[in-house]
């Protein structure tokens, strides 16, 4: 959910067209993944959080106060960190998860997450943004 909200923010505030485009991709792809996860959770009668965590909300508030190149750099760095973390979590679930459907969801989502990481790293490189 956080990636969707931050993607919307990037579409509004980013000055680099590639960052805006990446934000749109986050909204589209993560909304689709969220819907699949919601359906899976519902079928298992598992309650999901109804919004981003407090830490994620704080990150969004901080980003929302930025503008221009400062926003772009902070968003890009955050997306690189976020996707590296997500990939680790999804790899672990795909390899070690106990629920076959959750494992399958994680495995099916990994290629998209890896593509996102590659794209945002290319944007960072072309914009001269370092970790």
C-alpha atoms as a PDB file:
ATOM      1  CA  UNK A   1       0.000   0.000   0.000  1.00  0.00           C
ATOM      2  CA  UNK A   2       2.881   2.295   0.772  1.00  0.00           C
ATOM      3  CA  UNK A   3       4.365   1.869  -2.717  1.00  0.00           C
ATOM      4  CA  UNK A   4       1.011   2.869  -4.203  1.00  0.00           C
ATOM      5  CA  UNK A   5       0.756   6.025  -2.075  1.00  0.00           C
ATOM      6  CA  UNK A   6       4.380   6.976  -2.731  1.00  0.00           C
ATOM      7  CA  UNK A   7       3.902   6.265  -6.440  1.00  0.00           C
ATOM      8  CA  UNK A   8       0.972   8.687  -6.497  1.00  0.00           C
ATOM      9  CA  UNK A   9       3.129  11.254  -4.737  1.00  0.00           C
ATOM     10  CA  UNK A  10       5.925  10.740  -7.286  1.00  0.00           C
ATOM     11  CA  UNK A  11       3.472  11.285 -10.136  1.00  0.00           C
ATOM     12  CA  UNK A  12       2.524  14.632  -8.587  1.00  0.00           C
ATOM     13  CA  UNK A  13       5.853  15.928  -7.286  1.00  0.00           C
ATOM     14  CA  UNK A  14       8.718  14.424  -9.282  1.00  0.00           C
ATOM     15  CA  UNK A  15      10.548  16.680 -11.715  1.00  0.00           C
ATOM     16  CA  UNK A  16      12.340  13.867 -13.556  1.00  0.00           C
ATOM     17  CA  UNK A  17       9.942  12.318 -16.106  1.00  0.00           C
ATOM     18  CA  UNK A  18      11.469   8.874 -15.490  1.00  0.00           C
ATOM     19  CA  UNK A  19      10.678   9.187 -11.774  1.00  0.00           C
ATOM     20  CA  UNK A  20       7.089  10.205 -12.588  1.00  0.00           C
ATOM     21  CA  UNK A  21       6.799   7.210 -14.924  1.00  0.00           C
ATOM     22  CA  UNK A  22       8.218   4.894 -12.265  1.00  0.00           C
ATOM     23  CA  UNK A  23       5.659   6.255  -9.802  1.00  0.00           C
ATOM     24  CA  UNK A  24       2.874   5.382 -12.236  1.00  0.00           C
ATOM     25  CA  UNK A  25       4.268   1.879 -12.600  1.00  0.00           C
ATOM     26  CA  UNK A  26       4.313   1.515  -8.798  1.00  0.00           C
ATOM     27  CA  UNK A  27       0.648   2.479  -8.600  1.00  0.00           C
ATOM     28  CA  UNK A  28      -0.346   0.059 -11.375  1.00  0.00           C
ATOM     29  CA  UNK A  29       1.774  -2.945 -10.411  1.00  0.00           C
ATOM     30  CA  UNK A  30       1.441  -2.718  -6.641  1.00  0.00           C
ATOM     31  CA  UNK A  31      -2.319  -2.135  -6.835  1.00  0.00           C
ATOM     32  CA  UNK A  32      -2.592  -5.342  -8.871  1.00  0.00           C
ATOM     33  CA  UNK A  33      -0.381  -7.259  -6.408  1.00  0.00           C
ATOM     34  CA  UNK A  34      -2.350  -5.860  -3.457  1.00  0.00           C
ATOM     35  CA  UNK A  35      -5.621  -7.074  -4.986  1.00  0.00           C
ATOM     36  CA  UNK A  36      -4.208 -10.589  -5.455  1.00  0.00           C
ATOM     37  CA  UNK A  37      -2.894 -10.583  -1.893  1.00  0.00           C
ATOM     38  CA  UNK A  38      -6.247  -9.364  -0.533  1.00  0.00           C
ATOM     39  CA  UNK A  39      -8.034 -12.191  -2.336  1.00  0.00           C
ATOM     40  CA  UNK A  40      -5.562 -14.745  -1.013  1.00  0.00           C
ATOM     41  CA  UNK A  41      -5.843 -13.387   2.535  1.00  0.00           C
ATOM     42  CA  UNK A  42      -9.637 -13.382   2.352  1.00  0.00           C
ATOM     43  CA  UNK A  43      -9.680 -17.006   1.199  1.00  0.00           C
ATOM     44  CA  UNK A  44      -7.565 -17.883   4.249  1.00  0.00           C
ATOM     45  CA  UNK A  45      -9.565 -15.594   6.569  1.00  0.00           C
ATOM     46  CA  UNK A  46      -6.433 -13.584   7.345  1.00  0.00           C
ATOM     47  CA  UNK A  47      -6.799  -9.897   8.135  1.00  0.00           C
ATOM     48  CA  UNK A  48      -4.376  -7.571   6.372  1.00  0.00           C
ATOM     49  CA  UNK A  49      -3.416  -4.094   7.558  1.00  0.00           C
ATOM     50  CA  UNK A  50      -5.794  -1.459   6.233  1.00  0.00           C
ATOM     51  CA  UNK A  51      -3.025   1.008   5.443  1.00  0.00           C
ATOM     52  CA  UNK A  52       0.691   1.691   5.571  1.00  0.00           C
ATOM     53  CA  UNK A  53       2.592   1.350   8.844  1.00  0.00           C
ATOM     54  CA  UNK A  54       3.429   4.357  11.015  1.00  0.00           C
ATOM     55  CA  UNK A  55       7.004   4.301   9.706  1.00  0.00           C
ATOM     56  CA  UNK A  56       5.742   4.273   6.120  1.00  0.00           C
ATOM     57  CA  UNK A  57       3.341   7.129   6.882  1.00  0.00           C
ATOM     58  CA  UNK A  58       6.220   9.136   8.375  1.00  0.00           C
ATOM     59  CA  UNK A  59       8.312   8.517   5.256  1.00  0.00           C
ATOM     60  CA  UNK A  60       5.462   9.730   3.064  1.00  0.00           C
ATOM     61  CA  UNK A  61       5.016  12.866   5.194  1.00  0.00           C
ATOM     62  CA  UNK A  62       8.740  13.594   4.949  1.00  0.00           C
ATOM     63  CA  UNK A  63       8.698  13.106   1.158  1.00  0.00           C
ATOM     64  CA  UNK A  64       5.583  15.240   0.817  1.00  0.00           C
ATOM     65  CA  UNK A  65       7.467  18.196   2.313  1.00  0.00           C
ATOM     66  CA  UNK A  66      10.189  17.926  -0.333  1.00  0.00           C
ATOM     67  CA  UNK A  67      10.170  19.237  -3.865  1.00  0.00           C
ATOM     68  CA  UNK A  68      12.229  19.280  -7.022  1.00  0.00           C
ATOM     69  CA  UNK A  69      15.507  17.408  -7.215  1.00  0.00           C
ATOM     70  CA  UNK A  70      15.489  16.786  -3.458  1.00  0.00           C
ATOM     71  CA  UNK A  71      12.180  14.914  -3.783  1.00  0.00           C
ATOM     72  CA  UNK A  72      13.406  12.896  -6.767  1.00  0.00           C
ATOM     73  CA  UNK A  73      16.620  11.816  -5.034  1.00  0.00           C
ATOM     74  CA  UNK A  74      14.894  10.871  -1.802  1.00  0.00           C
ATOM     75  CA  UNK A  75      12.120   8.955  -3.604  1.00  0.00           C
ATOM     76  CA  UNK A  76      14.590   7.056  -5.783  1.00  0.00           C
ATOM     77  CA  UNK A  77      16.805   6.119  -2.835  1.00  0.00           C
ATOM     78  CA  UNK A  78      13.743   5.011  -0.858  1.00  0.00           C
ATOM     79  CA  UNK A  79      12.446   2.865  -3.697  1.00  0.00           C
ATOM     80  CA  UNK A  80      15.820   1.161  -4.095  1.00  0.00           C
ATOM     81  CA  UNK A  81      15.936   0.369  -0.369  1.00  0.00           C
ATOM     82  CA  UNK A  82      12.295  -0.707  -0.308  1.00  0.00           C
ATOM     83  CA  UNK A  83      12.588  -3.036  -3.272  1.00  0.00           C
ATOM     84  CA  UNK A  84      15.803  -4.645  -2.011  1.00  0.00           C
ATOM     85  CA  UNK A  85      14.030  -5.333   1.284  1.00  0.00           C
ATOM     86  CA  UNK A  86      10.880  -6.607  -0.438  1.00  0.00           C
ATOM     87  CA  UNK A  87      12.895  -8.954  -2.647  1.00  0.00           C
ATOM     88  CA  UNK A  88      14.607 -10.491   0.402  1.00  0.00           C
ATOM     89  CA  UNK A  89      11.259 -10.989   2.148  1.00  0.00           C
ATOM     90  CA  UNK A  90       9.580 -12.479  -0.916  1.00  0.00           C
ATOM     91  CA  UNK A  91      12.560 -14.787  -1.601  1.00  0.00           C
ATOM     92  CA  UNK A  92      12.368 -16.056   1.965  1.00  0.00           C
ATOM     93  CA  UNK A  93       8.615 -16.651   1.725  1.00  0.00           C
ATOM     94  CA  UNK A  94       8.940 -18.356  -1.674  1.00  0.00           C
ATOM     95  CA  UNK A  95      11.652 -20.680  -0.324  1.00  0.00           C
ATOM     96  CA  UNK A  96      10.595 -21.265   3.273  1.00  0.00           C
ATOM     97  CA  UNK A  97       6.913 -20.356   3.561  1.00  0.00           C
ATOM     98  CA  UNK A  98       4.525 -22.855   5.107  1.00  0.00           C
ATOM     99  CA  UNK A  99       1.426 -22.008   3.042  1.00  0.00           C
ATOM    100  CA  UNK A 100       1.646 -23.249  -0.570  1.00  0.00           C
ATOM    101  CA  UNK A 101      -0.525 -20.416  -1.932  1.00  0.00           C
ATOM    102  CA  UNK A 102       1.470 -17.740  -0.098  1.00  0.00           C
ATOM    103  CA  UNK A 103       4.698 -19.316  -1.391  1.00  0.00           C
ATOM    104  CA  UNK A 104       3.283 -19.280  -4.918  1.00  0.00           C
ATOM    105  CA  UNK A 105       2.209 -15.634  -4.578  1.00  0.00           C
ATOM    106  CA  UNK A 106       5.684 -14.652  -3.385  1.00  0.00           C
ATOM    107  CA  UNK A 107       7.375 -16.587  -6.192  1.00  0.00           C
ATOM    108  CA  UNK A 108       5.046 -15.099  -8.812  1.00  0.00           C
ATOM    109  CA  UNK A 109       5.613 -11.555  -7.522  1.00  0.00           C
ATOM    110  CA  UNK A 110       9.421 -11.736  -7.370  1.00  0.00           C
ATOM    111  CA  UNK A 111      10.054 -11.119 -11.094  1.00  0.00           C
ATOM    112  CA  UNK A 112       8.029  -7.883 -10.949  1.00  0.00           C
ATOM    113  CA  UNK A 113       9.901  -6.711  -7.858  1.00  0.00           C
ATOM    114  CA  UNK A 114      13.235  -7.479  -9.534  1.00  0.00           C
ATOM    115  CA  UNK A 115      12.157  -5.542 -12.627  1.00  0.00           C
ATOM    116  CA  UNK A 116      11.185  -2.582 -10.433  1.00  0.00           C
ATOM    117  CA  UNK A 117      14.582  -2.661  -8.713  1.00  0.00           C
ATOM    118  CA  UNK A 118      16.412  -2.770 -12.044  1.00  0.00           C
ATOM    119  CA  UNK A 119      14.391   0.154 -13.391  1.00  0.00           C
ATOM    120  CA  UNK A 120      14.829   2.354 -10.337  1.00  0.00           C
ATOM    121  CA  UNK A 121      18.552   1.589 -10.223  1.00  0.00           C
ATOM    122  CA  UNK A 122      18.825   2.635 -13.890  1.00  0.00           C
ATOM    123  CA  UNK A 123      16.953   5.850 -13.109  1.00  0.00           C
ATOM    124  CA  UNK A 124      19.329   6.483 -10.201  1.00  0.00           C
ATOM    125  CA  UNK A 125      22.365   5.872 -12.395  1.00  0.00           C
ATOM    126  CA  UNK A 126      21.141   8.121 -15.222  1.00  0.00           C
ATOM    127  CA  UNK A 127      20.262  10.876 -12.746  1.00  0.00           C
ATOM    128  CA  UNK A 128      23.572  10.604 -10.894  1.00  0.00           C
ATOM    129  CA  UNK A 129      21.910   9.473  -7.661  1.00  0.00           C
ATOM    130  CA  UNK A 130      24.135   7.298  -5.501  1.00  0.00           C
ATOM    131  CA  UNK A 131      23.139   5.166  -2.528  1.00  0.00           C
END
